[in-house]
Amino acid sequence: MTERALPLALRRRQDRAAIREDIAPYVGTSVAQRSEILDALCRLAAEQIAARPDGRRVLRHQDPRSPDDEQLWLRLMAATR
C-alpha cells in the first residue's frame, strides 16, 4: 500500500505540520474560549474516570518523586522563605 493510499490521519507527517494541524482549531481563540475548552476536557476526563470501577484509585494515584526532584523542591521552597 502506498503512502497516498493511506487515510490522511495515517500518513507520515513532519512534526511541525502535525502540531500545526493539531492546534489549528484553537489559533485565534481568546483566553476565555480556551478556558471553556479546558473546562470541557476536564469534565470529560472526570466522567471517564468516574465510569471506571477503580476510578477512586486512579484519582488517588501519585507518581513518586525522584530523589533529585525532591531535593530541587526543597531548595525552591527554602529559597521562597
Protein backbone atom coordinates (compact mmCIF):
# COMPACT_ATOMS: atom_id res chain seq x y z
CA MET A 1 0.00 0.00 0.00
CA THR A 2 1.43 3.37 -0.96
CA GLU A 3 1.59 6.36 1.33
CA ARG A 4 -1.09 8.13 -0.75
CA ALA A 5 -3.45 5.19 -0.37
CA LEU A 6 -3.44 5.54 3.42
CA PRO A 7 -6.07 7.68 5.13
CA LEU A 8 -4.76 11.19 5.82
CA ALA A 9 -4.58 10.52 9.57
CA LEU A 10 -2.17 7.60 8.99
CA ARG A 11 0.18 9.29 6.56
CA ARG A 12 3.64 10.32 7.75
CA ARG A 13 3.91 13.99 8.57
CA GLN A 14 6.62 16.30 9.73
CA ASP A 15 6.36 17.10 13.44
CA ARG A 16 5.78 20.80 12.81
CA ALA A 17 3.00 20.09 10.33
CA ALA A 18 1.34 17.68 12.78
CA ILE A 19 1.50 20.22 15.60
CA ARG A 20 0.12 23.00 13.40
CA GLU A 21 -2.74 20.74 12.36
CA ASP A 22 -3.47 19.83 15.99
CA ILE A 23 -3.60 23.43 17.19
CA ALA A 24 -5.34 24.93 14.13
CA PRO A 25 -8.82 24.91 15.72
CA TYR A 26 -7.52 26.89 18.69
CA VAL A 27 -5.44 29.55 16.92
CA GLY A 28 -7.02 32.94 17.40
CA THR A 29 -9.24 31.89 20.29
CA SER A 30 -9.48 34.07 23.35
CA VAL A 31 -8.29 33.12 26.81
CA ALA A 32 -11.94 32.75 27.83
CA GLN A 33 -12.62 30.38 24.93
CA ARG A 34 -9.54 28.29 25.73
CA SER A 35 -10.63 28.20 29.37
CA GLU A 36 -14.04 26.83 28.30
CA ILE A 37 -12.31 24.18 26.15
CA LEU A 38 -10.08 23.17 29.07
CA ASP A 39 -13.10 23.02 31.39
CA ALA A 40 -14.93 20.73 28.95
CA LEU A 41 -11.88 18.45 28.65
CA CYS A 42 -11.57 18.23 32.43
CA ARG A 43 -15.28 17.35 32.75
CA LEU A 44 -14.88 14.65 30.10
CA ALA A 45 -11.84 13.20 31.89
CA ALA A 46 -13.73 13.20 35.22
CA GLU A 47 -16.67 11.38 33.61
CA GLN A 48 -14.39 8.77 32.10
CA ILE A 49 -12.57 8.17 35.37
CA ALA A 50 -15.83 8.03 37.33
CA ALA A 51 -17.08 5.33 34.94
CA ARG A 52 -14.15 3.07 35.81
CA PRO A 53 -14.65 0.57 38.63
CA ASP A 54 -11.27 1.67 40.03
CA GLY A 55 -11.87 5.39 39.49
CA ARG A 56 -11.13 6.38 43.09
CA ARG A 57 -7.81 4.52 42.98
CA VAL A 58 -6.92 6.25 39.71
CA LEU A 59 -7.60 9.68 41.22
CA ARG A 60 -5.60 8.91 44.38
CA HIS A 61 -2.53 7.72 42.45
CA GLN A 62 0.54 9.93 42.51
CA ASP A 63 3.80 9.10 40.81
CA PRO A 64 6.60 9.10 43.37
CA ARG A 65 9.09 11.95 43.16
CA SER A 66 12.64 11.10 42.30
CA PRO A 67 15.26 11.98 44.94
CA ASP A 68 16.59 14.71 42.60
CA ASP A 69 13.13 16.22 42.21
CA GLU A 70 12.58 16.09 45.96
CA GLN A 71 15.87 17.93 46.59
CA LEU A 72 15.02 20.54 43.96
CA TRP A 73 11.59 21.07 45.52
CA LEU A 74 13.14 21.53 48.97
CA ARG A 75 15.70 24.04 47.62
CA LEU A 76 12.99 26.03 45.82
CA MET A 77 10.79 26.09 48.94
CA ALA A 78 13.73 27.23 51.07
CA ALA A 79 14.52 29.98 48.55
CA THR A 80 10.98 31.39 48.81
CA ARG A 81 11.14 31.72 52.60
